[in-house]
Amino acid sequence: MVINTTGTYSDTLVNQYGCDSIAQLTLQVNPTLFSTTFVTLCNDQLPYLWNGQAFTAAGTFSVTLTNQFDCDSVATLVLSVNPVNYSSTALNICDNQLPLLWNSLVINTAGTYSDTLVNQYGCDSIASLVLSVNPVTFSSTALAICDNQLPFPWNSLMINTAGTYSDTLVNQFGCDSIAQLTIQVNPTLFSTTFVTLCNNQLPFLWNGQAYPAAGTFSVTLTNQYGCDSIATLVLSVNPVTYSSTNLTLC
C-alpha cells in the first residue's frame, strides 16, 4: 500500500502456515513546521545573531531545526538593514553670532561638534559640524580738523560737527568692522586791524609785508590749532600838509 495520510490501515498477508496474516497500521503524520521572521534593523546593529548564526548583511536566510514531533522545523529570516546616515558641515560665522544653536546643541566657541539625530528609517543620523569663528574688529580714531574742512566725509558718513561717530563696515573675514571716530573741530580765526598814519610814515610794515598806500589787505596765517588765521589790515593814510607864508614887516 502507498499511504498518503494519517489513519488506520489493514493488509492481509500469508503467514508461514499458509494462513492469513492480517497486519494493521495506525499511522500518525506529524507536521514539518515553517516559520518566517521579519527583522528590520540599522547597519550599526550588525552582525545580527539568529539561531546561533551571525548575519552581517540584509537577505533571506533559512535554517532547518527539529520540532517537538522530531520533524523538520524550517525557519526563515527576512533581514532588512537600514543605513545609519553621516553628514559633515563646515561653517564660518562671526563671533557676534555666538552662541550658535545647532540641532540640539548650543555652541559658544569654535571647534568640531557631533550630534546624533534620527533619520527617516528610525536609525541614527550622525551630524558633524566643523565651526570656525571669525572676529568682529574694532578701531578707534581721534582726529582734529579745521572748521573750514567741514563737512568732513568719513566712510559712509558726512560729518558736520564735532563729536564721536561710529560706522559698521565689513572686514576681511566678512564680519563687522566697527570703526569709531572722535572728531574735534578747531576754529579758523579772523582778526581786523585798523591803522591810521601819515603818508610820510609809508611804507607800513605789517606781518612781514610793506604796504605803500592806503587800502584793505588780508594775509592767511596759522593759528595755535594749525588752522587758518585770517588777518585783515585796514590802512588809512592821512596827508602831510605844507604851507608857505610870505611876510614883510618893519
Protein backbone atom coordinates (compact mmCIF):
# COMPACT_ATOMS: atom_id res chain seq x y z
CA MET A 1 0.00 0.00 0.00
CA VAL A 2 1.01 3.57 -0.60
CA ILE A 3 -0.30 5.69 2.26
CA ASN A 4 -0.78 9.45 1.88
CA THR A 5 -2.46 10.50 5.12
CA THR A 6 -2.95 9.78 8.78
CA GLY A 7 -5.23 6.83 9.57
CA THR A 8 -5.58 3.11 10.39
CA TYR A 9 -4.80 0.70 7.58
CA SER A 10 -5.05 -3.13 7.26
CA ASP A 11 -3.37 -5.53 4.89
CA THR A 12 -3.81 -9.31 4.59
CA LEU A 13 -0.66 -11.27 4.07
CA VAL A 14 0.12 -15.04 4.26
CA ASN A 15 1.93 -16.39 7.28
CA GLN A 16 4.29 -19.31 7.47
CA TYR A 17 1.38 -21.71 7.77
CA GLY A 18 -0.27 -20.57 4.62
CA CYS A 19 -2.93 -18.78 6.57
CA ASP A 20 -3.91 -15.14 6.55
CA SER A 21 -1.68 -12.74 8.40
CA ILE A 22 -3.70 -9.60 8.95
CA ALA A 23 -1.47 -6.58 9.60
CA GLN A 24 -2.91 -3.33 10.91
CA LEU A 25 -1.15 0.04 10.82
CA THR A 26 -2.24 3.07 12.77
CA LEU A 27 -0.37 5.96 11.16
CA GLN A 28 0.08 9.40 12.68
CA VAL A 29 1.63 12.02 10.42
CA ASN A 30 3.35 14.85 12.27
CA PRO A 31 3.87 18.22 10.50
CA THR A 32 7.02 19.79 9.21
CA LEU A 33 6.83 23.32 10.62
CA PHE A 34 7.62 26.51 8.70
CA SER A 35 8.14 29.93 10.21
CA THR A 36 9.20 33.26 8.79
CA THR A 37 10.68 36.05 10.88
CA PHE A 38 10.92 39.60 9.55
CA VAL A 39 13.59 41.74 11.18
CA THR A 40 14.47 45.34 10.31
CA LEU A 41 17.48 46.91 11.98
CA CYS A 42 20.12 49.58 11.45
CA ASN A 43 23.50 48.75 9.99
CA ASP A 44 25.27 49.69 13.20
CA GLN A 45 23.37 46.77 14.83
CA LEU A 46 25.11 44.21 12.60
CA PRO A 47 26.08 41.42 12.93
CA TYR A 48 22.60 40.07 13.85
CA LEU A 49 22.57 36.84 15.87
CA TRP A 50 19.73 34.43 14.99
CA ASN A 51 19.50 30.73 15.82
CA GLY A 52 23.17 30.58 16.65
CA GLN A 53 24.34 32.25 13.46
CA ALA A 54 25.63 35.76 12.88
CA PHE A 55 24.33 37.60 9.82
CA THR A 56 26.29 40.62 8.57
CA ALA A 57 24.10 41.84 5.73
CA ALA A 58 20.50 42.05 4.60
CA GLY A 59 18.96 39.00 2.92
CA THR A 60 16.69 35.95 3.30
CA PHE A 61 18.17 33.06 5.27
CA SER A 62 16.81 29.62 6.24
CA VAL A 63 17.82 27.02 8.83
CA THR A 64 16.36 23.56 9.42
CA LEU A 65 15.71 22.70 13.05
CA THR A 66 13.83 19.84 14.79
CA ASN A 67 10.36 20.47 16.17
CA GLN A 68 8.60 18.84 19.09
CA PHE A 69 7.50 16.00 16.84
CA ASP A 70 11.11 15.29 15.79
CA CYS A 71 10.24 16.59 12.35
CA ASP A 72 11.88 19.38 10.42
CA SER A 73 11.17 22.93 11.50
CA VAL A 74 12.22 25.21 8.67
CA ALA A 75 12.81 28.74 9.95
CA THR A 76 13.28 31.64 7.56
CA LEU A 77 14.73 35.03 8.41
CA VAL A 78 13.99 38.02 6.20
CA LEU A 79 16.54 40.57 7.34
CA SER A 80 16.29 44.21 6.24
CA VAL A 81 19.12 46.61 7.09
CA ASN A 82 18.59 50.37 7.04
CA PRO A 83 21.50 52.82 6.84
CA VAL A 84 22.97 54.99 9.54
CA ASN A 85 23.49 58.40 7.93
CA TYR A 86 26.57 60.57 8.35
CA SER A 87 26.85 64.23 7.37
CA SER A 88 29.56 66.83 7.85
CA THR A 89 29.15 70.60 7.62
CA ALA A 90 31.85 73.28 7.67
CA LEU A 91 30.55 76.64 8.87
CA ASN A 92 32.15 80.08 9.27
CA ILE A 93 30.42 82.61 11.50
CA CYS A 94 31.30 85.88 13.25
CA ASP A 95 31.85 86.00 16.99
CA ASN A 96 28.83 88.27 17.47
CA GLN A 97 26.67 85.34 16.21
CA LEU A 98 27.59 83.25 19.25
CA PRO A 99 26.06 81.36 20.95
CA LEU A 100 25.03 79.29 17.89
CA LEU A 101 22.04 76.95 18.10
CA TRP A 102 22.75 73.80 16.05
CA ASN A 103 20.37 70.85 16.26
CA SER A 104 20.15 70.13 20.00
CA LEU A 105 23.41 71.93 20.89
CA VAL A 106 24.17 75.49 21.98
CA ILE A 107 27.72 76.26 20.82
CA ASN A 108 29.84 79.02 22.34
CA THR A 109 33.22 78.55 20.66
CA ALA A 110 34.93 77.26 17.51
CA GLY A 111 35.52 73.51 17.24
CA THR A 112 34.21 70.21 15.89
CA TYR A 113 30.86 69.02 17.24
CA SER A 114 28.69 65.95 16.70
CA ASP A 115 25.01 65.32 17.28
CA THR A 116 23.02 62.11 16.84
CA LEU A 117 19.58 62.52 15.29
CA VAL A 118 17.07 60.03 13.85
CA ASN A 119 16.73 59.53 10.10
CA GLN A 120 13.66 58.53 8.09
CA TYR A 121 14.36 54.84 8.79
CA GLY A 122 14.46 55.30 12.56
CA CYS A 123 18.25 54.85 12.54
CA ASP A 124 20.95 57.17 13.75
CA SER A 125 21.77 60.21 11.65
CA ILE A 126 25.15 61.37 12.90
CA ALA A 127 25.81 65.01 12.02
CA SER A 128 29.21 66.64 12.39
CA LEU A 129 29.86 70.39 12.44
CA VAL A 130 33.28 71.99 11.95
CA LEU A 131 32.77 75.54 13.23
CA SER A 132 35.15 78.44 12.58
CA VAL A 133 34.53 81.71 14.43
CA ASN A 134 35.92 84.89 12.89
CA PRO A 135 36.37 88.12 14.83
CA VAL A 136 34.37 91.31 14.72
CA THR A 137 37.05 94.03 14.58
CA PHE A 138 37.01 97.39 16.32
CA SER A 139 39.04 100.52 15.55
CA SER A 140 39.11 103.96 17.13
CA THR A 141 40.50 107.14 15.57
CA ALA A 142 40.87 110.60 17.10
CA LEU A 143 41.04 113.41 14.55
CA ALA A 144 41.33 117.19 14.76
CA ILE A 145 40.31 119.26 11.73
CA CYS A 146 39.61 122.91 11.00
CA ASP A 147 36.09 124.21 10.66
CA ASN A 148 36.68 125.19 7.03
CA GLN A 149 37.15 121.44 6.30
CA LEU A 150 33.51 120.75 7.16
CA PRO A 151 31.52 118.87 6.02
CA PHE A 152 34.02 116.04 6.51
CA PRO A 153 33.50 112.74 4.62
CA TRP A 154 34.32 109.61 6.67
CA ASN A 155 33.46 106.12 5.41
CA SER A 156 29.74 106.28 4.63
CA LEU A 157 29.09 109.37 6.80
CA MET A 158 29.19 113.08 6.10
CA ILE A 159 30.13 114.84 9.34
CA ASN A 160 29.14 118.47 10.01
CA THR A 161 30.14 118.98 13.62
CA ALA A 162 32.50 117.78 16.34
CA GLY A 163 31.56 114.58 18.17
CA THR A 164 32.01 110.79 18.30
CA TYR A 165 30.72 108.77 15.35
CA SER A 166 30.52 105.06 14.54
CA ASP A 167 30.26 103.20 11.25
CA THR A 168 29.93 99.48 10.59
CA LEU A 169 31.98 98.13 7.71
CA VAL A 170 32.95 94.61 6.61
CA ASN A 171 36.37 93.16 7.48
CA GLN A 172 38.44 90.56 5.59
CA PHE A 173 36.52 87.74 7.28
CA GLY A 174 33.13 89.02 6.13
CA CYS A 175 32.32 90.12 9.69
CA ASP A 176 31.53 93.54 11.08
CA SER A 177 34.35 96.05 11.33
CA ILE A 178 33.13 98.69 13.75
CA ALA A 179 35.03 101.96 13.31
CA GLN A 180 34.76 104.84 15.75
CA LEU A 181 35.84 108.40 15.04
CA THR A 182 36.21 111.10 17.68
CA ILE A 183 36.47 114.36 15.76
CA GLN A 184 37.49 117.74 17.14
CA VAL A 185 36.76 120.82 15.05
CA ASN A 186 39.12 123.74 15.61
CA PRO A 187 38.22 127.29 14.57
CA THR A 188 39.53 129.39 11.73
CA LEU A 189 40.37 132.71 13.37
CA PHE A 190 39.65 136.14 11.91
CA SER A 191 41.14 139.44 13.05
CA THR A 192 40.92 143.01 11.71
CA THR A 193 43.46 145.72 12.46
CA PHE A 194 42.71 149.38 11.78
CA VAL A 195 45.77 151.59 11.29
CA THR A 196 45.78 155.30 10.50
CA LEU A 197 49.06 157.01 9.77
CA CYS A 198 50.58 159.89 7.87
CA ASN A 199 51.83 159.43 4.38
CA ASN A 200 55.37 160.22 5.43
CA GLN A 201 55.22 157.05 7.51
CA LEU A 202 54.80 154.90 4.43
CA PRO A 203 55.61 152.20 3.59
CA PHE A 204 53.91 150.47 6.54
CA LEU A 205 55.38 147.13 7.60
CA TRP A 206 52.76 144.57 8.75
CA ASN A 207 53.18 140.79 9.09
CA GLY A 208 56.39 140.85 7.08
CA GLN A 209 54.96 142.86 4.19
CA ALA A 210 55.39 146.53 3.30
CA TYR A 211 52.29 148.48 2.29
CA PRO A 212 52.94 151.76 0.38
CA ALA A 213 49.39 153.07 0.24
CA ALA A 214 46.04 153.04 1.99
CA GLY A 215 43.73 150.06 1.50
CA THR A 216 42.36 146.83 2.95
CA PHE A 217 44.72 143.87 2.92
CA SER A 218 44.47 140.26 4.12
CA VAL A 219 47.01 137.58 4.91
CA THR A 220 46.41 133.98 5.90
CA LEU A 221 48.50 132.76 8.84
CA THR A 222 48.36 129.63 11.01
CA ASN A 223 46.83 129.73 14.48
CA GLN A 224 47.62 127.65 17.55
CA TYR A 225 45.32 124.85 16.33
CA GLY A 226 47.08 124.53 12.99
CA CYS A 227 44.13 126.18 11.26
CA ASP A 228 43.92 129.34 9.21
CA SER A 229 44.17 132.68 10.97
CA ILE A 230 42.98 135.32 8.53
CA ALA A 231 44.26 138.76 9.46
CA THR A 232 42.90 141.88 7.78
CA LEU A 233 44.56 145.30 7.78
CA VAL A 234 42.50 148.42 7.12
CA LEU A 235 45.12 151.08 6.43
CA SER A 236 44.20 154.75 6.32
CA VAL A 237 46.81 157.32 5.26
CA ASN A 238 46.45 161.00 6.11
CA PRO A 239 48.38 163.66 4.20
CA VAL A 240 51.24 165.68 5.48
CA THR A 241 50.33 169.32 4.63
CA TYR A 242 52.64 172.04 3.54
CA SER A 243 52.04 175.86 3.62
CA SER A 244 54.17 178.81 2.59
CA THR A 245 53.77 182.33 4.03
CA ASN A 246 55.46 185.49 2.74
CA LEU A 247 55.78 188.10 5.45
CA THR A 248 57.09 191.70 5.28
CA LEU A 249 57.43 193.68 8.42
CA CYS A 250 59.37 196.72 9.91
